Amino acid sequence: MAKESWLTQFPAMERSDLTAIKKGLDGAYREFSRSYGDAIESLFDPLLYFLVWFEKLLLQSPWWLVIIVVTAIVHWAARSNKLSTGVVIAFCLIGYFGMWDNTMRTLSIITVCTLVSIAIGIPTGIMMARSDRMQSVINPILDIMQTMPAFVYLIPVVMLLGIGKIPGVIAVVIYAVPPVIRLTNLGIRLVDREVLEAATAYGANKSQRLWDVQLPLAMPTIMAGINQTIMMALAMVVVASMIGVKGLGQPVLKSITNQYFTLGLFNGLAIVALAIIFDRVSQAYAKRTQKHLEGTH
């Protein structure tokens, strides 16, 4: 009887303890956000200014100039007339169906998020490649970042920084940065040891081996990581629209809540068009880099 009594009481005791722990953590985080939220938000002011400036630049520039610049960048990276023609057609259709402004907003935030992810991801991947201990510490963190539901990222970010562009950027970066970290680490570790030994024999130090040997040889793998990061950032656009990030995600969210089929379909197709353009350009650039490296050996 005593055993049965203990077993029946234990779950209730456990639930009350868990409730107390949850309330304590909620209160602590709420107090932390009230005390330090403004100070932390001010650290992101330069990023916010750059994002606002870049968005205004795209929105205020003539549509034909934007198409020329984007097509020129695509042609330089991919060296493909078909892809360049496809970019022109896709952007003309986006403008024709009245999605130009939202597309420019999405393009600006995806570009900024990708640049931030690269700035964080490549140095982190290099550190992981140089240290097995660092890799063993960072890998579990990346596992959590990749398996955590996307909506969960919004909760602490919104509580800390509120609604707006910067919380959206942070949520997108957290969701999108793991691939570039993992593949930078992998690419550097896959560099042939004999090549590194040859570089050392010619008198190259650690820094020279990294910049002149490891990173160039790992570039196709790193580009694959950047490609995946861009795809994940685009996938996060609709989720980020829930916290006030303007762009193609907001009409998609509106179409879901109000059952506007064509609104959601057209804006969804615009996101797909951006994804295909980014994907094809990054893949073509990686292949061209690989061929160039093979030609130099």
Protein backbone atom coordinates (compact mmCIF):
# COMPACT_ATOMS: atom_id res chain seq x y z
CA MET A 1 0.00 0.00 0.00
CA ALA A 2 2.82 2.35 0.89
CA LYS A 3 4.44 1.63 -2.48
CA GLU A 4 1.18 2.29 -4.36
CA SER A 5 0.64 5.50 -2.41
CA TRP A 6 4.15 6.71 -3.26
CA LEU A 7 3.69 5.88 -6.94
CA THR A 8 0.39 7.73 -7.15
CA GLN A 9 1.77 10.80 -5.39
CA PHE A 10 5.07 10.98 -7.31
CA PRO A 11 3.65 12.27 -10.63
CA ALA A 12 1.79 15.05 -8.83
CA MET A 13 4.95 16.02 -6.96
CA GLU A 14 6.90 15.94 -10.22
CA ARG A 15 4.38 18.15 -12.00
CA SER A 16 4.41 20.73 -9.23
CA ASP A 17 8.22 20.82 -9.24
CA LEU A 18 8.28 21.22 -13.02
CA THR A 19 5.70 24.01 -12.84
CA ALA A 20 7.81 25.84 -10.26
CA ILE A 21 10.94 25.44 -12.40
CA LYS A 22 9.11 26.69 -15.53
CA LYS A 23 7.72 29.71 -13.67
CA GLY A 24 11.16 30.48 -12.28
CA LEU A 25 12.80 30.31 -15.73
CA ASP A 26 10.03 32.41 -17.30
CA GLY A 27 10.37 35.04 -14.60
CA ALA A 28 14.18 35.10 -14.86
CA TYR A 29 14.11 35.52 -18.65
CA ARG A 30 11.41 38.18 -18.43
CA GLU A 31 13.49 40.11 -15.89
CA PHE A 32 16.60 39.69 -18.06
CA SER A 33 14.80 41.01 -21.15
CA ARG A 34 13.45 44.03 -19.22
CA SER A 35 16.87 44.85 -17.78
CA TYR A 36 19.12 44.25 -20.78
CA GLY A 37 16.78 44.15 -23.81
CA ASP A 38 17.37 47.78 -24.82
CA ALA A 39 21.15 47.48 -24.41
CA ILE A 40 21.27 44.30 -26.49
CA GLU A 41 19.01 45.85 -29.14
CA SER A 42 21.34 48.85 -29.45
CA LEU A 43 24.19 46.48 -30.39
CA PHE A 44 22.29 45.62 -33.57
CA ASP A 45 21.72 49.24 -34.63
CA PRO A 46 24.49 49.20 -37.29
CA LEU A 47 22.97 46.08 -38.82
CA LEU A 48 19.51 47.67 -38.75
CA TYR A 49 20.80 50.84 -40.44
CA PHE A 50 22.47 48.78 -43.17
CA LEU A 51 19.35 46.67 -43.72
CA VAL A 52 17.09 49.75 -43.92
CA TRP A 53 19.53 51.48 -46.30
CA PHE A 54 19.82 48.44 -48.56
CA GLU A 55 16.05 47.95 -48.62
CA LYS A 56 15.48 51.62 -49.52
CA LEU A 57 18.15 51.35 -52.22
CA LEU A 58 16.34 48.45 -53.88
CA LEU A 59 12.89 50.01 -53.50
CA GLN A 60 13.86 53.48 -54.75
CA SER A 61 16.06 52.36 -57.64
CA PRO A 62 14.37 52.11 -61.07
CA TRP A 63 13.11 48.60 -61.76
CA TRP A 64 15.10 48.33 -64.99
CA LEU A 65 18.34 49.27 -63.20
CA VAL A 66 17.76 46.61 -60.51
CA ILE A 67 17.15 43.98 -63.21
CA ILE A 68 20.32 45.02 -65.10
CA VAL A 69 22.48 44.89 -61.94
CA VAL A 70 21.04 41.55 -60.74
CA THR A 71 21.39 40.03 -64.24
CA ALA A 72 24.99 41.27 -64.49
CA ILE A 73 25.85 39.68 -61.11
CA VAL A 74 24.14 36.43 -62.15
CA HIS A 75 25.99 36.35 -65.48
CA TRP A 76 29.33 37.07 -63.81
CA ALA A 77 28.81 34.29 -61.26
CA ALA A 78 27.23 31.64 -63.51
CA ARG A 79 28.41 32.60 -67.03
CA SER A 80 25.09 31.29 -68.36
CA ASN A 81 23.01 33.14 -70.94
CA LYS A 82 20.01 30.89 -70.23
CA LEU A 83 20.08 31.67 -66.52
CA SER A 84 20.53 35.39 -67.16
CA THR A 85 17.54 35.37 -69.52
CA GLY A 86 15.51 33.45 -66.92
CA VAL A 87 16.33 36.09 -64.29
CA VAL A 88 15.11 38.90 -66.56
CA ILE A 89 11.86 37.03 -67.34
CA ALA A 90 11.27 36.14 -63.65
CA PHE A 91 11.76 39.71 -62.43
CA CYS A 92 9.59 41.14 -65.22
CA LEU A 93 6.78 38.75 -64.27
CA ILE A 94 7.19 39.64 -60.58
CA GLY A 95 6.78 43.31 -61.49
CA TYR A 96 3.87 42.64 -63.83
CA PHE A 97 1.90 40.83 -61.11
CA GLY A 98 2.48 43.63 -58.59
CA MET A 99 4.96 41.86 -56.27
CA TRP A 100 8.00 44.04 -56.95
CA ASP A 101 8.17 45.91 -53.62
CA ASN A 102 7.71 42.80 -51.49
CA THR A 103 10.27 40.94 -53.60
CA MET A 104 12.81 43.73 -53.07
CA ARG A 105 12.16 43.63 -49.31
CA THR A 106 12.64 39.86 -49.28
CA LEU A 107 15.76 40.14 -51.45
CA SER A 108 17.25 42.69 -49.06
CA ILE A 109 16.65 40.65 -45.89
CA ILE A 110 17.83 37.40 -47.50
CA THR A 111 21.01 39.12 -48.74
CA VAL A 112 21.74 40.59 -45.31
CA CYS A 113 20.96 37.30 -43.52
CA THR A 114 23.22 35.41 -45.93
CA LEU A 115 26.09 37.88 -45.41
CA VAL A 116 25.70 37.65 -41.61
CA SER A 117 25.54 33.84 -41.79
CA ILE A 118 28.73 33.75 -43.90
CA ALA A 119 30.49 36.17 -41.53
CA ILE A 120 29.60 33.91 -38.57
CA GLY A 121 29.68 30.52 -40.28
CA ILE A 122 33.00 30.46 -42.14
CA PRO A 123 35.19 31.57 -39.16
CA THR A 124 33.31 29.11 -36.90
CA GLY A 125 33.83 26.31 -39.44
CA ILE A 126 37.54 27.15 -39.62
CA MET A 127 37.81 26.96 -35.81
CA MET A 128 36.05 23.57 -35.86
CA ALA A 129 38.38 22.28 -38.58
CA ARG A 130 41.45 23.30 -36.59
CA SER A 131 40.32 21.86 -33.25
CA ASP A 132 38.63 18.52 -32.55
CA ARG A 133 37.64 19.81 -29.11
CA MET A 134 35.93 22.84 -30.66
CA GLN A 135 34.13 20.53 -33.08
CA SER A 136 32.87 18.32 -30.23
CA VAL A 137 31.51 21.42 -28.44
CA ILE A 138 29.87 23.11 -31.46
CA ASN A 139 28.36 20.02 -33.14
CA PRO A 140 25.68 19.45 -30.44
CA ILE A 141 24.74 23.14 -30.61
CA LEU A 142 24.31 22.85 -34.40
CA ASP A 143 22.21 19.70 -33.90
CA ILE A 144 19.87 21.62 -31.60
CA MET A 145 19.69 24.58 -34.01
CA GLN A 146 18.77 22.31 -36.93
CA THR A 147 16.22 20.15 -35.13
CA MET A 148 14.44 22.86 -33.12
CA PRO A 149 11.12 23.90 -34.76
CA ALA A 150 11.46 27.24 -36.53
CA PHE A 151 8.64 28.85 -34.53
CA VAL A 152 10.52 28.22 -31.27
CA TYR A 153 13.29 30.63 -32.32
CA LEU A 154 10.78 33.46 -32.39
CA ILE A 155 9.78 33.18 -28.71
CA PRO A 156 13.00 34.27 -26.94
CA VAL A 157 13.95 36.71 -29.71
CA VAL A 158 10.59 38.52 -29.61
CA MET A 159 10.57 38.57 -25.79
CA LEU A 160 14.05 40.13 -25.82
CA LEU A 161 13.90 42.49 -28.81
CA GLY A 162 10.21 42.85 -29.64
CA ILE A 163 8.71 42.94 -33.14
CA GLY A 164 10.65 44.17 -36.16
CA LYS A 165 13.41 43.59 -38.69
CA ILE A 166 16.28 42.72 -36.33
CA PRO A 167 14.41 39.95 -34.45
CA GLY A 168 13.51 38.55 -37.87
CA VAL A 169 17.13 38.65 -39.03
CA ILE A 170 18.33 36.95 -35.84
CA ALA A 171 15.71 34.19 -36.13
CA VAL A 172 16.56 33.61 -39.80
CA VAL A 173 20.32 33.53 -39.12
CA ILE A 174 19.95 31.05 -36.24
CA TYR A 175 17.88 28.80 -38.48
CA ALA A 176 20.07 29.15 -41.59
CA VAL A 177 23.68 29.30 -40.35
CA PRO A 178 24.37 25.60 -39.47
CA PRO A 179 24.93 24.35 -43.07
CA VAL A 180 27.69 26.85 -43.85
CA ILE A 181 29.42 26.04 -40.53
CA ARG A 182 29.25 22.28 -41.08
CA LEU A 183 30.35 22.35 -44.71
CA THR A 184 33.18 24.81 -44.08
CA ASN A 185 34.48 22.45 -41.40
CA LEU A 186 34.02 19.45 -43.70
CA GLY A 187 35.62 21.12 -46.73
CA ILE A 188 38.76 22.11 -44.83
CA ARG A 189 39.08 18.69 -43.20
CA LEU A 190 38.80 16.98 -46.60
CA VAL A 191 41.82 18.82 -48.04
CA ASP A 192 44.48 16.24 -48.91
CA ARG A 193 47.22 16.04 -46.28
CA GLU A 194 49.86 15.57 -48.98
CA VAL A 195 48.94 18.97 -50.41
CA LEU A 196 49.33 20.54 -46.95
CA GLU A 197 52.66 18.78 -46.44
CA ALA A 198 53.85 20.08 -49.80
CA ALA A 199 52.81 23.63 -48.82
CA THR A 200 54.68 23.26 -45.51
CA ALA A 201 57.74 21.99 -47.36
CA TYR A 202 57.69 25.18 -49.46
CA GLY A 203 57.77 27.21 -46.24
CA ALA A 204 54.10 28.11 -45.83
CA ASN A 205 52.98 28.92 -42.29
CA LYS A 206 49.53 28.12 -40.79
CA SER A 207 47.94 31.31 -42.06
CA GLN A 208 49.32 30.85 -45.58
CA ARG A 209 48.21 27.22 -45.68
CA LEU A 210 44.71 28.30 -44.67
CA TRP A 211 44.29 31.20 -47.13
CA ASP A 212 46.32 29.88 -50.07
CA VAL A 213 45.61 26.13 -49.89
CA GLN A 214 42.79 24.99 -47.62
CA LEU A 215 40.13 27.64 -48.31
CA PRO A 216 40.56 27.62 -52.14
CA LEU A 217 40.40 23.81 -52.25
CA ALA A 218 37.43 23.76 -49.85
CA MET A 219 35.58 26.52 -51.73
CA PRO A 220 33.19 24.23 -53.69
CA THR A 221 32.11 22.58 -50.42
CA ILE A 222 31.81 25.96 -48.70
CA MET A 223 29.70 27.23 -51.61
CA ALA A 224 27.40 24.22 -51.17
CA GLY A 225 26.98 25.27 -47.53
CA ILE A 226 26.20 28.86 -48.56
CA ASN A 227 23.67 27.49 -51.05
CA GLN A 228 21.89 25.53 -48.32
CA THR A 229 22.00 28.54 -46.00
CA ILE A 230 20.25 30.69 -48.64
CA MET A 231 17.59 28.01 -49.18
CA MET A 232 16.91 27.75 -45.44
CA ALA A 233 16.76 31.55 -45.12
CA LEU A 234 14.16 31.70 -47.88
CA ALA A 235 12.19 28.92 -46.17
CA MET A 236 12.15 31.05 -43.02
CA VAL A 237 10.69 34.11 -44.80
CA VAL A 238 7.05 33.17 -44.14
CA VAL A 239 7.74 32.35 -40.49
CA ALA A 240 9.63 35.63 -39.99
CA SER A 241 6.63 37.54 -41.39
CA MET A 242 4.80 36.61 -38.17
CA ILE A 243 7.01 39.04 -36.24
CA GLY A 244 6.68 41.98 -38.59
CA VAL A 245 9.27 41.24 -41.29
CA LYS A 246 7.84 42.74 -44.48
CA GLY A 247 8.22 40.95 -47.78
CA LEU A 248 6.75 38.06 -49.72
CA GLY A 249 6.04 36.17 -46.50
CA GLN A 250 3.34 38.56 -45.31
CA PRO A 251 1.00 38.06 -48.31
CA VAL A 252 1.50 34.30 -47.99
CA LEU A 253 0.58 34.49 -44.28
CA LYS A 254 -2.41 36.69 -45.14
CA SER A 255 -3.57 34.20 -47.78
CA ILE A 256 -3.41 31.38 -45.22
CA THR A 257 -5.49 33.24 -42.62
CA ASN A 258 -8.01 34.61 -45.16
CA GLN A 259 -8.00 31.74 -47.70
CA TYR A 260 -6.83 33.89 -50.63
CA PHE A 261 -5.62 31.17 -53.00
CA THR A 262 -4.18 33.27 -55.82
CA LEU A 263 -2.45 35.73 -53.46
CA GLY A 264 -0.63 32.89 -51.70
CA LEU A 265 0.13 31.08 -54.96
CA PHE A 266 1.66 34.07 -56.76
CA ASN A 267 3.76 35.22 -53.80
CA GLY A 268 4.80 31.62 -53.14
CA LEU A 269 5.92 31.33 -56.77
CA ALA A 270 7.92 34.55 -56.36
CA ILE A 271 9.74 32.99 -53.38
CA VAL A 272 10.35 29.87 -55.49
CA ALA A 273 11.76 32.04 -58.30
CA LEU A 274 14.21 33.70 -55.89
CA ALA A 275 15.18 30.30 -54.49
CA ILE A 276 15.84 28.88 -57.97
CA ILE A 277 17.91 31.93 -58.96
CA PHE A 278 20.05 31.78 -55.79
CA ASP A 279 20.39 28.01 -56.08
CA ARG A 280 21.45 27.96 -59.74
CA VAL A 281 23.85 30.88 -59.35
CA SER A 282 25.63 29.45 -56.28
CA GLN A 283 25.87 25.98 -57.86
CA ALA A 284 27.20 27.37 -61.14
CA TYR A 285 29.76 29.51 -59.30
CA ALA A 286 30.90 26.50 -57.24
CA LYS A 287 31.31 24.38 -60.40
CA ARG A 288 33.24 27.15 -62.13
CA THR A 289 35.50 27.50 -59.09
CA GLN A 290 36.11 23.74 -59.06
CA LYS A 291 37.02 23.71 -62.78
CA HIS A 292 39.38 26.64 -62.25
CA LEU A 293 41.10 24.82 -59.38
CA GLU A 294 41.37 21.63 -61.39
CA GLY A 295 42.89 23.60 -64.25
CA THR A 296 45.60 25.08 -62.00
CA HIS A 297 46.82 21.66 -60.81
